[in-house]
């Protein structure tokens, strides 16, 4: 069976199972010594917020967490403490992100028709983003949430501006990125064999000539990479709490 036949799915009466690989094995070099996935965000650690988003989403069948070796025990304890029963395994990641993704893919339920890959440090992803991206991937084979760029973008050489890039067609891609299971397994394997240390999973699929469909992301779906992001995350959480309280009073 050729690689391209892996993602040609027959129409089925029921939705395919979707597993998610949560990648949280990074070194957090820009966090000033703070471990970002265990850092407190509101009343919970960042990673627990992330896991709850998928735990509570009915389209997600199981969760595989990929963590640094020194955090595996702590992450497993958090999963038990917060009753995250969709988490089937917590495993050790690889040297680079793409190796961590591959490790997670190996542990996914073989019956899963779709696999989502999500950054453990994106704790504010919404149910709507997850559902919409999974639904679109079920139709097209590959989908990811994205937001349009709003800043002016310059291309430079040796510190000098060469041109101002037209931003009308530029989008910032977020996670979860969702793929047909056979497609993403084959794409990641091919990228590793070719020595491509990709930091974006869509890129592995694009290398095969496949198209990725973009869905609506959110400016609140931030990735925690610096201490400032924690402050922003706290503000977003507080705004959601206040909005919820306001709606309850209606």
C-alpha atoms as a PDB file:
ATOM      1  CA  UNK A   1       0.000   0.000   0.000  1.00  0.00           C
ATOM      2  CA  UNK A   2       1.486   3.358  -1.030  1.00  0.00           C
ATOM      3  CA  UNK A   3       1.804   6.292   1.355  1.00  0.00           C
ATOM      4  CA  UNK A   4      -0.844   8.339  -0.427  1.00  0.00           C
ATOM      5  CA  UNK A   5      -3.387   5.542  -0.104  1.00  0.00           C
ATOM      6  CA  UNK A   6      -3.056   5.648   3.680  1.00  0.00           C
ATOM      7  CA  UNK A   7      -5.271   8.698   4.021  1.00  0.00           C
ATOM      8  CA  UNK A   8      -7.942   7.767   1.466  1.00  0.00           C
ATOM      9  CA  UNK A   9     -10.729   6.975   3.875  1.00  0.00           C
ATOM     10  CA  UNK A  10     -13.971   5.278   3.047  1.00  0.00           C
ATOM     11  CA  UNK A  11     -17.066   7.100   4.172  1.00  0.00           C
ATOM     12  CA  UNK A  12     -18.264   5.657   7.455  1.00  0.00           C
ATOM     13  CA  UNK A  13     -21.518   6.059   9.324  1.00  0.00           C
ATOM     14  CA  UNK A  14     -19.737   6.967  12.557  1.00  0.00           C
ATOM     15  CA  UNK A  15     -17.075   9.542  13.268  1.00  0.00           C
ATOM     16  CA  UNK A  16     -13.499   8.212  13.430  1.00  0.00           C
ATOM     17  CA  UNK A  17     -11.831   7.953  16.807  1.00  0.00           C
ATOM     18  CA  UNK A  18      -9.467  10.829  17.512  1.00  0.00           C
ATOM     19  CA  UNK A  19      -6.489  10.471  19.820  1.00  0.00           C
ATOM     20  CA  UNK A  20      -4.373  13.421  20.914  1.00  0.00           C
ATOM     21  CA  UNK A  21      -0.637  13.558  21.546  1.00  0.00           C
ATOM     22  CA  UNK A  22       0.228  16.340  24.002  1.00  0.00           C
ATOM     23  CA  UNK A  23       3.851  17.369  23.490  1.00  0.00           C
ATOM     24  CA  UNK A  24       5.394  18.867  26.641  1.00  0.00           C
ATOM     25  CA  UNK A  25       8.999  17.712  26.574  1.00  0.00           C
ATOM     26  CA  UNK A  26      10.669  21.051  25.836  1.00  0.00           C
ATOM     27  CA  UNK A  27      13.389  22.642  27.942  1.00  0.00           C
ATOM     28  CA  UNK A  28      11.612  26.009  28.444  1.00  0.00           C
ATOM     29  CA  UNK A  29      14.817  27.954  27.800  1.00  0.00           C
ATOM     30  CA  UNK A  30      12.968  31.309  27.629  1.00  0.00           C
ATOM     31  CA  UNK A  31      11.132  30.901  30.935  1.00  0.00           C
ATOM     32  CA  UNK A  32      13.964  32.062  33.189  1.00  0.00           C
ATOM     33  CA  UNK A  33      14.268  28.791  35.069  1.00  0.00           C
ATOM     34  CA  UNK A  34      10.491  28.254  35.401  1.00  0.00           C
ATOM     35  CA  UNK A  35       9.149  24.949  34.111  1.00  0.00           C
ATOM     36  CA  UNK A  36       6.327  26.246  31.944  1.00  0.00           C
ATOM     37  CA  UNK A  37       4.069  23.185  31.893  1.00  0.00           C
ATOM     38  CA  UNK A  38       4.062  22.915  35.691  1.00  0.00           C
ATOM     39  CA  UNK A  39       3.921  26.671  36.314  1.00  0.00           C
ATOM     40  CA  UNK A  40       0.715  27.832  38.020  1.00  0.00           C
ATOM     41  CA  UNK A  41      -1.906  29.474  35.837  1.00  0.00           C
ATOM     42  CA  UNK A  42      -4.785  30.552  38.007  1.00  0.00           C
ATOM     43  CA  UNK A  43      -5.415  27.696  40.430  1.00  0.00           C
ATOM     44  CA  UNK A  44      -4.002  24.925  38.226  1.00  0.00           C
ATOM     45  CA  UNK A  45      -0.688  24.085  36.531  1.00  0.00           C
ATOM     46  CA  UNK A  46      -0.461  25.027  32.851  1.00  0.00           C
ATOM     47  CA  UNK A  47      -0.436  21.390  31.725  1.00  0.00           C
ATOM     48  CA  UNK A  48      -3.549  20.530  33.737  1.00  0.00           C
ATOM     49  CA  UNK A  49      -5.487  23.298  31.958  1.00  0.00           C
ATOM     50  CA  UNK A  50      -4.307  21.826  28.648  1.00  0.00           C
ATOM     51  CA  UNK A  51      -5.284  18.287  29.579  1.00  0.00           C
ATOM     52  CA  UNK A  52      -8.717  19.310  30.867  1.00  0.00           C
ATOM     53  CA  UNK A  53      -9.519  20.914  27.513  1.00  0.00           C
ATOM     54  CA  UNK A  54      -9.148  17.534  25.797  1.00  0.00           C
ATOM     55  CA  UNK A  55     -10.451  15.482  28.723  1.00  0.00           C
ATOM     56  CA  UNK A  56     -13.751  17.372  28.528  1.00  0.00           C
ATOM     57  CA  UNK A  57     -14.045  17.257  24.722  1.00  0.00           C
ATOM     58  CA  UNK A  58     -16.313  14.403  23.546  1.00  0.00           C
ATOM     59  CA  UNK A  59     -14.590  14.063  20.151  1.00  0.00           C
ATOM     60  CA  UNK A  60     -11.319  13.045  21.856  1.00  0.00           C
ATOM     61  CA  UNK A  61     -10.950   9.340  22.526  1.00  0.00           C
ATOM     62  CA  UNK A  62      -7.641   9.199  24.407  1.00  0.00           C
ATOM     63  CA  UNK A  63      -4.672  11.347  25.454  1.00  0.00           C
ATOM     64  CA  UNK A  64      -0.973  10.486  25.231  1.00  0.00           C
ATOM     65  CA  UNK A  65       1.326  12.867  27.108  1.00  0.00           C
ATOM     66  CA  UNK A  66       4.963  13.198  26.061  1.00  0.00           C
ATOM     67  CA  UNK A  67       7.079  14.734  28.823  1.00  0.00           C
ATOM     68  CA  UNK A  68      10.716  15.283  29.740  1.00  0.00           C
ATOM     69  CA  UNK A  69      12.241  12.335  31.563  1.00  0.00           C
ATOM     70  CA  UNK A  70      12.606  14.312  34.790  1.00  0.00           C
ATOM     71  CA  UNK A  71       8.916  15.276  34.713  1.00  0.00           C
ATOM     72  CA  UNK A  72       7.272  11.943  33.857  1.00  0.00           C
ATOM     73  CA  UNK A  73       6.581  11.045  37.496  1.00  0.00           C
ATOM     74  CA  UNK A  74       5.217  14.518  38.315  1.00  0.00           C
ATOM     75  CA  UNK A  75       2.978  14.563  35.237  1.00  0.00           C
ATOM     76  CA  UNK A  76       1.647  11.101  36.035  1.00  0.00           C
ATOM     77  CA  UNK A  77       0.858  12.231  39.571  1.00  0.00           C
ATOM     78  CA  UNK A  78      -1.034  15.269  38.270  1.00  0.00           C
ATOM     79  CA  UNK A  79      -3.111  13.071  35.966  1.00  0.00           C
ATOM     80  CA  UNK A  80      -4.152  10.887  38.899  1.00  0.00           C
ATOM     81  CA  UNK A  81      -4.697  13.814  41.242  1.00  0.00           C
ATOM     82  CA  UNK A  82      -7.023  15.604  38.813  1.00  0.00           C
ATOM     83  CA  UNK A  83      -8.824  12.446  37.595  1.00  0.00           C
ATOM     84  CA  UNK A  84      -7.657  12.825  34.004  1.00  0.00           C
ATOM     85  CA  UNK A  85      -8.797   9.360  33.010  1.00  0.00           C
ATOM     86  CA  UNK A  86      -8.487   9.902  29.249  1.00  0.00           C
ATOM     87  CA  UNK A  87      -4.708  10.038  29.700  1.00  0.00           C
ATOM     88  CA  UNK A  88      -3.685   6.522  28.714  1.00  0.00           C
ATOM     89  CA  UNK A  89       0.083   6.963  28.929  1.00  0.00           C
ATOM     90  CA  UNK A  90       2.738   9.458  30.004  1.00  0.00           C
ATOM     91  CA  UNK A  91       5.957   8.738  28.130  1.00  0.00           C
ATOM     92  CA  UNK A  92       9.458  10.182  27.779  1.00  0.00           C
ATOM     93  CA  UNK A  93      10.066  12.514  24.848  1.00  0.00           C
ATOM     94  CA  UNK A  94      12.967  12.681  22.436  1.00  0.00           C
ATOM     95  CA  UNK A  95      15.853  15.061  21.916  1.00  0.00           C
ATOM     96  CA  UNK A  96      13.927  17.245  19.434  1.00  0.00           C
ATOM     97  CA  UNK A  97      10.224  17.993  19.200  1.00  0.00           C
ATOM     98  CA  UNK A  98       9.762  15.826  16.114  1.00  0.00           C
ATOM     99  CA  UNK A  99      11.199  12.834  18.000  1.00  0.00           C
ATOM    100  CA  UNK A 100       8.758  13.474  20.854  1.00  0.00           C
ATOM    101  CA  UNK A 101       5.895  13.539  18.363  1.00  0.00           C
ATOM    102  CA  UNK A 102       7.059  10.253  16.870  1.00  0.00           C
ATOM    103  CA  UNK A 103       7.267   8.681  20.333  1.00  0.00           C
ATOM    104  CA  UNK A 104       3.702   9.772  21.039  1.00  0.00           C
ATOM    105  CA  UNK A 105       2.434   8.461  17.706  1.00  0.00           C
ATOM    106  CA  UNK A 106       3.802   5.003  18.527  1.00  0.00           C
ATOM    107  CA  UNK A 107       1.581   4.845  21.628  1.00  0.00           C
ATOM    108  CA  UNK A 108      -1.679   5.933  19.999  1.00  0.00           C
ATOM    109  CA  UNK A 109      -4.550   3.446  19.784  1.00  0.00           C
ATOM    110  CA  UNK A 110      -4.196   1.579  16.457  1.00  0.00           C
ATOM    111  CA  UNK A 111      -7.952   1.982  15.959  1.00  0.00           C
ATOM    112  CA  UNK A 112      -7.714   5.792  15.971  1.00  0.00           C
ATOM    113  CA  UNK A 113      -8.575   7.215  12.558  1.00  0.00           C
ATOM    114  CA  UNK A 114      -7.425  10.731  13.438  1.00  0.00           C
ATOM    115  CA  UNK A 115      -4.530  11.988  15.536  1.00  0.00           C
ATOM    116  CA  UNK A 116      -4.338  15.479  16.991  1.00  0.00           C
ATOM    117  CA  UNK A 117      -0.997  16.941  18.088  1.00  0.00           C
ATOM    118  CA  UNK A 118      -1.088  19.770  20.610  1.00  0.00           C
ATOM    119  CA  UNK A 119       1.443  21.862  22.507  1.00  0.00           C
ATOM    120  CA  UNK A 120       1.308  21.153  26.223  1.00  0.00           C
ATOM    121  CA  UNK A 121       2.029  24.857  26.766  1.00  0.00           C
ATOM    122  CA  UNK A 122      -1.195  25.980  25.011  1.00  0.00           C
ATOM    123  CA  UNK A 123      -3.540  25.754  28.010  1.00  0.00           C
ATOM    124  CA  UNK A 124      -6.288  28.074  26.773  1.00  0.00           C
ATOM    125  CA  UNK A 125      -7.444  26.151  23.701  1.00  0.00           C
ATOM    126  CA  UNK A 126     -11.232  26.043  23.532  1.00  0.00           C
ATOM    127  CA  UNK A 127     -13.680  23.209  22.919  1.00  0.00           C
ATOM    128  CA  UNK A 128     -14.820  24.962  19.755  1.00  0.00           C
ATOM    129  CA  UNK A 129     -11.315  25.024  18.284  1.00  0.00           C
ATOM    130  CA  UNK A 130     -10.776  21.343  19.074  1.00  0.00           C
ATOM    131  CA  UNK A 131     -14.130  20.247  17.650  1.00  0.00           C
ATOM    132  CA  UNK A 132     -13.869  22.356  14.497  1.00  0.00           C
ATOM    133  CA  UNK A 133     -10.344  21.225  13.696  1.00  0.00           C
ATOM    134  CA  UNK A 134     -11.144  17.540  14.247  1.00  0.00           C
ATOM    135  CA  UNK A 135     -14.268  17.822  12.094  1.00  0.00           C
ATOM    136  CA  UNK A 136     -12.363  19.494   9.256  1.00  0.00           C
ATOM    137  CA  UNK A 137      -9.542  16.933   9.399  1.00  0.00           C
ATOM    138  CA  UNK A 138     -12.118  14.148   9.158  1.00  0.00           C
ATOM    139  CA  UNK A 139     -13.170  15.636   5.806  1.00  0.00           C
ATOM    140  CA  UNK A 140      -9.815  16.725   4.369  1.00  0.00           C
ATOM    141  CA  UNK A 141      -7.152  14.586   6.073  1.00  0.00           C
ATOM    142  CA  UNK A 142      -5.245  17.492   7.633  1.00  0.00           C
ATOM    143  CA  UNK A 143      -6.374  20.644   9.450  1.00  0.00           C
ATOM    144  CA  UNK A 144      -4.992  23.239  11.845  1.00  0.00           C
ATOM    145  CA  UNK A 145      -6.327  26.387  13.547  1.00  0.00           C
ATOM    146  CA  UNK A 146      -4.754  29.686  12.536  1.00  0.00           C
ATOM    147  CA  UNK A 147      -5.132  33.436  12.939  1.00  0.00           C
ATOM    148  CA  UNK A 148      -4.228  36.177  10.428  1.00  0.00           C
ATOM    149  CA  UNK A 149      -1.093  38.174  11.106  1.00  0.00           C
ATOM    150  CA  UNK A 150      -1.751  41.753  12.183  1.00  0.00           C
ATOM    151  CA  UNK A 151       1.814  43.059  12.528  1.00  0.00           C
ATOM    152  CA  UNK A 152       3.775  44.410   9.605  1.00  0.00           C
ATOM    153  CA  UNK A 153       6.348  41.836   8.494  1.00  0.00           C
ATOM    154  CA  UNK A 154       9.778  42.774   7.128  1.00  0.00           C
ATOM    155  CA  UNK A 155      12.264  40.531   5.339  1.00  0.00           C
ATOM    156  CA  UNK A 156      15.860  41.405   6.171  1.00  0.00           C
ATOM    157  CA  UNK A 157      19.406  40.561   5.181  1.00  0.00           C
ATOM    158  CA  UNK A 158      22.362  41.444   7.438  1.00  0.00           C
ATOM    159  CA  UNK A 159      20.094  43.534   9.638  1.00  0.00           C
ATOM    160  CA  UNK A 160      18.775  45.664   6.764  1.00  0.00           C
ATOM    161  CA  UNK A 161      15.207  45.623   5.462  1.00  0.00           C
ATOM    162  CA  UNK A 162      14.961  44.068   2.007  1.00  0.00           C
ATOM    163  CA  UNK A 163      11.201  44.233   1.597  1.00  0.00           C
ATOM    164  CA  UNK A 164       7.887  44.595   3.392  1.00  0.00           C
ATOM    165  CA  UNK A 165       6.007  41.326   3.050  1.00  0.00           C
ATOM    166  CA  UNK A 166       2.351  41.384   2.048  1.00  0.00           C
ATOM    167  CA  UNK A 167       0.652  40.077   5.180  1.00  0.00           C
ATOM    168  CA  UNK A 168      -2.782  39.569   3.592  1.00  0.00           C
ATOM    169  CA  UNK A 169      -1.956  35.921   2.881  1.00  0.00           C
ATOM    170  CA  UNK A 170       0.078  35.234   6.046  1.00  0.00           C
ATOM    171  CA  UNK A 171      -1.370  33.256   8.955  1.00  0.00           C
ATOM    172  CA  UNK A 172       0.007  32.189  12.327  1.00  0.00           C
ATOM    173  CA  UNK A 173      -0.703  28.490  12.806  1.00  0.00           C
ATOM    174  CA  UNK A 174      -1.651  27.136  16.213  1.00  0.00           C
ATOM    175  CA  UNK A 175      -2.428  23.711  17.665  1.00  0.00           C
ATOM    176  CA  UNK A 176      -4.120  21.245  17.832  1.00  0.00           C
ATOM    177  CA  UNK A 177      -3.099  20.144  14.373  1.00  0.00           C
ATOM    178  CA  UNK A 178      -5.186  17.137  13.352  1.00  0.00           C
ATOM    179  CA  UNK A 179      -4.376  14.516  10.723  1.00  0.00           C
ATOM    180  CA  UNK A 180      -5.483  11.216   9.312  1.00  0.00           C
ATOM    181  CA  UNK A 181      -3.512   8.715  11.378  1.00  0.00           C
ATOM    182  CA  UNK A 182      -1.633   6.974   8.579  1.00  0.00           C
ATOM    183  CA  UNK A 183      -0.782  10.270   6.912  1.00  0.00           C
ATOM    184  CA  UNK A 184       0.882  11.880   9.946  1.00  0.00           C
ATOM    185  CA  UNK A 185       2.742   8.698  10.901  1.00  0.00           C
ATOM    186  CA  UNK A 186       4.180   8.405   7.405  1.00  0.00           C
ATOM    187  CA  UNK A 187       4.940  12.130   7.148  1.00  0.00           C
ATOM    188  CA  UNK A 188       6.798  12.294  10.481  1.00  0.00           C
ATOM    189  CA  UNK A 189       8.766   9.148   9.680  1.00  0.00           C
ATOM    190  CA  UNK A 190       9.787  10.540   6.272  1.00  0.00           C
ATOM    191  CA  UNK A 191      10.855  13.878   7.778  1.00  0.00           C
ATOM    192  CA  UNK A 192      13.043  12.126  10.363  1.00  0.00           C
ATOM    193  CA  UNK A 193      14.604   9.882   7.720  1.00  0.00           C
ATOM    194  CA  UNK A 194      15.414  13.014   5.693  1.00  0.00           C
ATOM    195  CA  UNK A 195      16.982  14.725   8.718  1.00  0.00           C
ATOM    196  CA  UNK A 196      14.321  17.471   8.875  1.00  0.00           C
ATOM    197  CA  UNK A 197      13.938  18.605  12.497  1.00  0.00           C
ATOM    198  CA  UNK A 198      10.588  20.290  11.943  1.00  0.00           C
ATOM    199  CA  UNK A 199       8.940  22.290  14.727  1.00  0.00           C
ATOM    200  CA  UNK A 200       5.556  22.298  12.973  1.00  0.00           C
ATOM    201  CA  UNK A 201       3.698  19.062  12.234  1.00  0.00           C
ATOM    202  CA  UNK A 202       1.834  20.533   9.272  1.00  0.00           C
ATOM    203  CA  UNK A 203       5.244  21.021   7.667  1.00  0.00           C
ATOM    204  CA  UNK A 204       5.815  17.260   7.635  1.00  0.00           C
ATOM    205  CA  UNK A 205       2.584  16.753   5.689  1.00  0.00           C
ATOM    206  CA  UNK A 206       3.280  19.665   3.350  1.00  0.00           C
ATOM    207  CA  UNK A 207       6.638  18.079   2.424  1.00  0.00           C
ATOM    208  CA  UNK A 208       4.644  15.242   0.863  1.00  0.00           C
ATOM    209  CA  UNK A 209       2.735  17.673  -1.324  1.00  0.00           C
ATOM    210  CA  UNK A 210      -0.419  17.454   0.763  1.00  0.00           C
ATOM    211  CA  UNK A 211      -2.615  20.439   1.564  1.00  0.00           C
ATOM    212  CA  UNK A 212      -3.550  21.479   5.100  1.00  0.00           C
ATOM    213  CA  UNK A 213      -6.922  23.134   5.663  1.00  0.00           C
ATOM    214  CA  UNK A 214      -6.949  26.061   8.081  1.00  0.00           C
ATOM    215  CA  UNK A 215      -9.738  26.525  10.614  1.00  0.00           C
ATOM    216  CA  UNK A 216     -10.474  29.495  12.862  1.00  0.00           C
ATOM    217  CA  UNK A 217      -7.985  29.838  15.695  1.00  0.00           C
ATOM    218  CA  UNK A 218      -8.090  32.355  18.532  1.00  0.00           C
ATOM    219  CA  UNK A 219      -5.790  35.057  19.838  1.00  0.00           C
ATOM    220  CA  UNK A 220      -6.488  33.588  23.267  1.00  0.00           C
ATOM    221  CA  UNK A 221      -4.972  30.251  22.216  1.00  0.00           C
ATOM    222  CA  UNK A 222      -1.514  31.455  23.236  1.00  0.00           C
ATOM    223  CA  UNK A 223       1.581  29.353  23.779  1.00  0.00           C
ATOM    224  CA  UNK A 224       3.324  29.911  27.108  1.00  0.00           C
ATOM    225  CA  UNK A 225       6.954  30.577  26.172  1.00  0.00           C
ATOM    226  CA  UNK A 226       8.000  33.493  28.409  1.00  0.00           C
ATOM    227  CA  UNK A 227       7.028  34.710  31.915  1.00  0.00           C
ATOM    228  CA  UNK A 228       5.050  37.510  30.239  1.00  0.00           C
ATOM    229  CA  UNK A 229       2.813  34.877  28.624  1.00  0.00           C
ATOM    230  CA  UNK A 230       1.826  33.641  32.080  1.00  0.00           C
ATOM    231  CA  UNK A 231       0.643  37.154  32.951  1.00  0.00           C
ATOM    232  CA  UNK A 232      -1.351  37.319  29.712  1.00  0.00           C
ATOM    233  CA  UNK A 233      -2.772  33.860  30.367  1.00  0.00           C
ATOM    234  CA  UNK A 234      -3.919  34.929  33.823  1.00  0.00           C
ATOM    235  CA  UNK A 235      -5.723  37.916  32.289  1.00  0.00           C
ATOM    236  CA  UNK A 236      -7.465  35.705  29.725  1.00  0.00           C
ATOM    237  CA  UNK A 237      -8.568  33.265  32.428  1.00  0.00           C
ATOM    238  CA  UNK A 238      -9.899  36.085  34.590  1.00  0.00           C
ATOM    239  CA  UNK A 239     -11.821  37.559  31.658  1.00  0.00           C
ATOM    240  CA  UNK A 240     -13.415  34.170  30.989  1.00  0.00           C
ATOM    241  CA  UNK A 241     -14.428  33.840  34.634  1.00  0.00           C
ATOM    242  CA  UNK A 242     -15.963  37.310  34.635  1.00  0.00           C
ATOM    243  CA  UNK A 243     -17.770  36.629  31.358  1.00  0.00           C
ATOM    244  CA  UNK A 244     -19.138  33.386  32.789  1.00  0.00           C
ATOM    245  CA  UNK A 245     -20.355  35.145  35.915  1.00  0.00           C
ATOM    246  CA  UNK A 246     -21.969  37.865  33.800  1.00  0.00           C
ATOM    247  CA  UNK A 247     -23.791  35.294  31.678  1.00  0.00           C
ATOM    248  CA  UNK A 248     -25.033  33.525  34.818  1.00  0.00           C
ATOM    249  CA  UNK A 249     -26.606  36.812  35.952  1.00  0.00           C
ATOM    250  CA  UNK A 250     -28.505  37.248  32.680  1.00  0.00           C
END
